[in-house]
Amino acid sequence: MIDLGAALPTALSRLKKLPDGAELELLTFKRDRGVAIRKTGHLFEVREFGYRDETATEDAAGLKKRLKVILKREFPRSNKVHVLEREAGG
């Protein structure tokens, strides 16, 4: 678990290192809301679940802005965030 303030920079740095097809998830303490980001080449598939259930595709430039908005919406009272990495195909 990491602090919510460190979630965005941590997620962006880990996403740069992930292989294609791998996924990074940011989840609330109860793990009932969050965001999953799947790396596909130079694009990222962003799946938000919890208050809203949406999926969008972003490039690296738009990813930071979208994640910032999603973190405010899905983690309004959270102080800590679970960060999970899933390998491609698993």
N, C-alpha and C. Protein backbone atom coordinates (compact mmCIF):
# COMPACT_ATOMS: atom_id res chain seq x y z
N MET A 1 0.84 -1.18 0.00
CA MET A 1 0.00 0.00 0.00
C MET A 1 0.89 1.24 0.00
N ILE A 2 0.42 2.25 -0.72
CA ILE A 2 1.16 3.50 -0.78
C ILE A 2 0.22 4.65 -0.47
N ASP A 3 0.78 5.82 -0.16
CA ASP A 3 -0.02 7.02 0.08
C ASP A 3 -0.70 7.46 -1.20
N LEU A 4 -1.89 8.03 -1.09
CA LEU A 4 -2.63 8.49 -2.25
C LEU A 4 -1.85 9.57 -3.01
N GLY A 5 -1.13 10.41 -2.30
CA GLY A 5 -0.34 11.46 -2.95
C GLY A 5 0.77 10.92 -3.83
N ALA A 6 1.25 9.73 -3.51
CA ALA A 6 2.33 9.12 -4.31
C ALA A 6 1.79 8.18 -5.38
N ALA A 7 0.47 8.00 -5.43
CA ALA A 7 -0.11 7.02 -6.36
C ALA A 7 0.12 7.38 -7.82
N LEU A 8 -0.10 8.64 -8.19
CA LEU A 8 0.05 9.05 -9.59
C LEU A 8 1.49 8.92 -10.08
N PRO A 9 2.47 9.50 -9.39
CA PRO A 9 3.85 9.34 -9.88
C PRO A 9 4.33 7.88 -9.86
N THR A 10 3.90 7.12 -8.86
CA THR A 10 4.28 5.72 -8.78
C THR A 10 3.68 4.94 -9.95
N ALA A 11 2.41 5.17 -10.24
CA ALA A 11 1.75 4.47 -11.34
C ALA A 11 2.41 4.80 -12.67
N LEU A 12 2.69 6.07 -12.91
CA LEU A 12 3.29 6.47 -14.18
C LEU A 12 4.68 5.87 -14.36
N SER A 13 5.47 5.83 -13.30
CA SER A 13 6.82 5.26 -13.42
C SER A 13 6.77 3.74 -13.62
N ARG A 14 5.83 3.07 -12.94
CA ARG A 14 5.72 1.61 -13.12
C ARG A 14 5.18 1.25 -14.50
N LEU A 15 4.28 2.08 -15.04
CA LEU A 15 3.72 1.80 -16.36
C LEU A 15 4.79 1.88 -17.45
N LYS A 16 5.77 2.76 -17.27
CA LYS A 16 6.85 2.86 -18.26
C LYS A 16 7.65 1.57 -18.33
N LYS A 17 7.76 0.87 -17.21
CA LYS A 17 8.58 -0.34 -17.12
C LYS A 17 7.83 -1.61 -17.46
N LEU A 18 6.48 -1.56 -17.52
CA LEU A 18 5.69 -2.76 -17.77
C LEU A 18 5.84 -3.24 -19.21
N PRO A 19 5.83 -4.56 -19.41
CA PRO A 19 5.82 -5.10 -20.78
C PRO A 19 4.42 -4.94 -21.39
N ASP A 20 4.35 -5.03 -22.72
CA ASP A 20 3.05 -4.92 -23.40
C ASP A 20 2.10 -6.00 -22.92
N GLY A 21 0.84 -5.62 -22.71
CA GLY A 21 -0.18 -6.55 -22.27
C GLY A 21 -0.30 -6.66 -20.76
N ALA A 22 0.67 -6.15 -20.02
CA ALA A 22 0.61 -6.21 -18.56
C ALA A 22 -0.33 -5.13 -18.04
N GLU A 23 -0.78 -5.30 -16.80
CA GLU A 23 -1.79 -4.41 -16.23
C GLU A 23 -1.35 -3.93 -14.85
N LEU A 24 -1.69 -2.70 -14.55
CA LEU A 24 -1.43 -2.11 -13.24
C LEU A 24 -2.78 -1.69 -12.66
N GLU A 25 -3.05 -2.09 -11.42
CA GLU A 25 -4.31 -1.74 -10.77
C GLU A 25 -4.05 -0.88 -9.54
N LEU A 26 -4.86 0.16 -9.39
CA LEU A 26 -4.87 0.99 -8.19
C LEU A 26 -6.23 0.78 -7.55
N LEU A 27 -6.25 0.30 -6.31
CA LEU A 27 -7.50 -0.08 -5.65
C LEU A 27 -7.63 0.62 -4.30
N THR A 28 -8.89 0.82 -3.87
CA THR A 28 -9.15 1.37 -2.54
C THR A 28 -8.78 0.33 -1.48
N PHE A 29 -8.84 0.73 -0.22
CA PHE A 29 -8.50 -0.17 0.87
C PHE A 29 -9.36 -1.42 0.85
N LYS A 30 -10.68 -1.26 0.60
CA LYS A 30 -11.59 -2.40 0.55
C LYS A 30 -11.54 -3.13 -0.80
N ARG A 31 -10.83 -2.59 -1.74
CA ARG A 31 -10.65 -3.15 -3.08
C ARG A 31 -11.95 -3.26 -3.86
N ASP A 32 -12.89 -2.37 -3.56
CA ASP A 32 -14.16 -2.40 -4.28
C ASP A 32 -14.26 -1.32 -5.36
N ARG A 33 -13.32 -0.39 -5.39
CA ARG A 33 -13.27 0.65 -6.42
C ARG A 33 -11.83 0.82 -6.84
N GLY A 34 -11.67 1.33 -8.07
CA GLY A 34 -10.32 1.59 -8.51
C GLY A 34 -10.20 1.82 -10.00
N VAL A 35 -8.98 1.66 -10.47
CA VAL A 35 -8.67 1.85 -11.88
C VAL A 35 -7.63 0.81 -12.28
N ALA A 36 -7.82 0.24 -13.48
CA ALA A 36 -6.87 -0.72 -14.04
C ALA A 36 -6.35 -0.15 -15.35
N ILE A 37 -5.04 -0.16 -15.53
CA ILE A 37 -4.41 0.37 -16.73
C ILE A 37 -3.65 -0.76 -17.41
N ARG A 38 -4.02 -1.07 -18.65
CA ARG A 38 -3.35 -2.11 -19.43
C ARG A 38 -2.52 -1.45 -20.52
N LYS A 39 -1.24 -1.83 -20.58
CA LYS A 39 -0.34 -1.27 -21.58
C LYS A 39 -0.43 -2.09 -22.87
N THR A 40 -0.74 -1.41 -23.97
CA THR A 40 -0.81 -2.06 -25.29
C THR A 40 0.01 -1.23 -26.27
N GLY A 41 1.25 -1.59 -26.43
CA GLY A 41 2.13 -0.82 -27.31
C GLY A 41 2.39 0.55 -26.73
N HIS A 42 2.11 1.59 -27.51
CA HIS A 42 2.30 2.95 -27.03
C HIS A 42 1.01 3.56 -26.48
N LEU A 43 -0.07 2.76 -26.43
CA LEU A 43 -1.34 3.21 -25.88
C LEU A 43 -1.64 2.51 -24.56
N PHE A 44 -2.54 3.10 -23.79
CA PHE A 44 -2.94 2.55 -22.50
C PHE A 44 -4.46 2.45 -22.45
N GLU A 45 -4.97 1.28 -22.08
CA GLU A 45 -6.41 1.09 -21.89
C GLU A 45 -6.70 1.32 -20.41
N VAL A 46 -7.50 2.33 -20.12
CA VAL A 46 -7.81 2.73 -18.75
C VAL A 46 -9.23 2.29 -18.44
N ARG A 47 -9.39 1.41 -17.45
CA ARG A 47 -10.70 0.90 -17.04
C ARG A 47 -10.98 1.35 -15.61
N GLU A 48 -11.99 2.18 -15.47
CA GLU A 48 -12.39 2.73 -14.17
C GLU A 48 -13.59 1.92 -13.66
N PHE A 49 -13.56 1.54 -12.41
CA PHE A 49 -14.69 0.80 -11.84
C PHE A 49 -14.92 1.26 -10.41
N GLY A 50 -16.18 1.37 -10.07
CA GLY A 50 -16.56 1.85 -8.74
C GLY A 50 -17.73 2.80 -8.88
N TYR A 51 -17.48 4.11 -8.70
CA TYR A 51 -18.54 5.09 -8.88
C TYR A 51 -18.98 5.13 -10.33
N ARG A 52 -18.04 5.03 -11.24
CA ARG A 52 -18.32 4.97 -12.67
C ARG A 52 -17.67 3.73 -13.24
N ASP A 53 -18.28 3.18 -14.27
CA ASP A 53 -17.69 2.04 -14.98
C ASP A 53 -17.44 2.49 -16.41
N GLU A 54 -16.21 2.87 -16.69
CA GLU A 54 -15.85 3.39 -18.01
C GLU A 54 -14.53 2.78 -18.46
N THR A 55 -14.37 2.71 -19.76
CA THR A 55 -13.11 2.27 -20.34
C THR A 55 -12.73 3.27 -21.43
N ALA A 56 -11.47 3.68 -21.45
CA ALA A 56 -10.98 4.63 -22.44
C ALA A 56 -9.57 4.24 -22.85
N THR A 57 -9.17 4.71 -24.01
CA THR A 57 -7.81 4.47 -24.50
C THR A 57 -7.10 5.82 -24.55
N GLU A 58 -5.91 5.86 -23.98
CA GLU A 58 -5.13 7.10 -23.93
C GLU A 58 -3.71 6.84 -24.38
N ASP A 59 -3.07 7.90 -24.90
CA ASP A 59 -1.63 7.83 -25.15
C ASP A 59 -0.94 8.30 -23.87
N ALA A 60 0.38 8.31 -23.88
CA ALA A 60 1.12 8.65 -22.67
C ALA A 60 0.84 10.08 -22.22
N ALA A 61 0.62 11.00 -23.16
CA ALA A 61 0.39 12.40 -22.81
C ALA A 61 -0.96 12.59 -22.09
N GLY A 62 -2.00 11.92 -22.55
CA GLY A 62 -3.33 12.08 -21.95
C GLY A 62 -3.55 11.23 -20.72
N LEU A 63 -2.67 10.26 -20.49
CA LEU A 63 -2.84 9.33 -19.38
C LEU A 63 -2.75 10.03 -18.03
N LYS A 64 -1.79 10.91 -17.87
CA LYS A 64 -1.59 11.57 -16.58
C LYS A 64 -2.82 12.39 -16.19
N LYS A 65 -3.37 13.14 -17.14
CA LYS A 65 -4.55 13.96 -16.85
C LYS A 65 -5.75 13.09 -16.50
N ARG A 66 -5.97 12.02 -17.27
CA ARG A 66 -7.11 11.13 -17.01
C ARG A 66 -6.97 10.47 -15.64
N LEU A 67 -5.77 10.00 -15.30
CA LEU A 67 -5.58 9.35 -14.00
C LEU A 67 -5.80 10.32 -12.84
N LYS A 68 -5.39 11.55 -13.03
CA LYS A 68 -5.58 12.55 -11.98
C LYS A 68 -7.07 12.75 -11.68
N VAL A 69 -7.88 12.83 -12.74
CA VAL A 69 -9.33 12.99 -12.58
C VAL A 69 -9.94 11.75 -11.94
N ILE A 70 -9.53 10.57 -12.41
CA ILE A 70 -10.08 9.32 -11.88
C ILE A 70 -9.73 9.14 -10.41
N LEU A 71 -8.50 9.46 -10.03
CA LEU A 71 -8.10 9.29 -8.63
C LEU A 71 -8.93 10.19 -7.71
N LYS A 72 -9.23 11.40 -8.13
CA LYS A 72 -10.08 12.28 -7.32
C LYS A 72 -11.49 11.71 -7.17
N ARG A 73 -12.02 11.12 -8.26
CA ARG A 73 -13.39 10.62 -8.25
C ARG A 73 -13.51 9.29 -7.50
N GLU A 74 -12.61 8.36 -7.74
CA GLU A 74 -12.73 7.02 -7.16
C GLU A 74 -12.15 6.90 -5.76
N PHE A 75 -11.26 7.80 -5.36
CA PHE A 75 -10.62 7.73 -4.05
C PHE A 75 -10.85 9.02 -3.26
N PRO A 76 -12.12 9.43 -3.06
CA PRO A 76 -12.37 10.75 -2.44
C PRO A 76 -11.92 10.86 -0.98
N ARG A 77 -12.00 9.78 -0.23
CA ARG A 77 -11.66 9.82 1.19
C ARG A 77 -10.51 8.89 1.54
N SER A 78 -9.85 8.36 0.55
CA SER A 78 -8.79 7.38 0.79
C SER A 78 -7.48 8.08 1.13
N ASN A 79 -6.72 7.45 1.99
CA ASN A 79 -5.37 7.90 2.29
C ASN A 79 -4.33 6.93 1.74
N LYS A 80 -4.72 5.68 1.63
CA LYS A 80 -3.81 4.63 1.14
C LYS A 80 -4.43 3.94 -0.05
N VAL A 81 -3.58 3.44 -0.94
CA VAL A 81 -4.03 2.81 -2.18
C VAL A 81 -3.23 1.51 -2.37
N HIS A 82 -3.94 0.43 -2.75
CA HIS A 82 -3.27 -0.81 -3.13
C HIS A 82 -2.78 -0.67 -4.56
N VAL A 83 -1.56 -1.13 -4.83
CA VAL A 83 -1.01 -1.13 -6.19
C VAL A 83 -0.67 -2.56 -6.54
N LEU A 84 -1.31 -3.09 -7.60
CA LEU A 84 -1.06 -4.47 -8.02
C LEU A 84 -0.62 -4.48 -9.48
N GLU A 85 0.38 -5.31 -9.77
CA GLU A 85 0.82 -5.49 -11.15
C GLU A 85 0.45 -6.90 -11.57
N ARG A 86 -0.11 -7.01 -12.77
CA ARG A 86 -0.49 -8.32 -13.33
C ARG A 86 0.25 -8.47 -14.64
N GLU A 87 0.84 -9.63 -14.82
CA GLU A 87 1.58 -9.92 -16.06
C GLU A 87 0.62 -10.11 -17.23
N ALA A 88 1.16 -10.01 -18.41
CA ALA A 88 0.36 -10.21 -19.63
C ALA A 88 -0.23 -11.60 -19.65
N GLY A 89 -1.53 -11.67 -19.94
CA GLY A 89 -2.21 -12.96 -20.02
C GLY A 89 -2.53 -13.57 -18.68
N GLY A 90 -2.25 -12.90 -17.59
CA GLY A 90 -2.51 -13.51 -16.29
C GLY A 90 -3.16 -12.59 -15.41
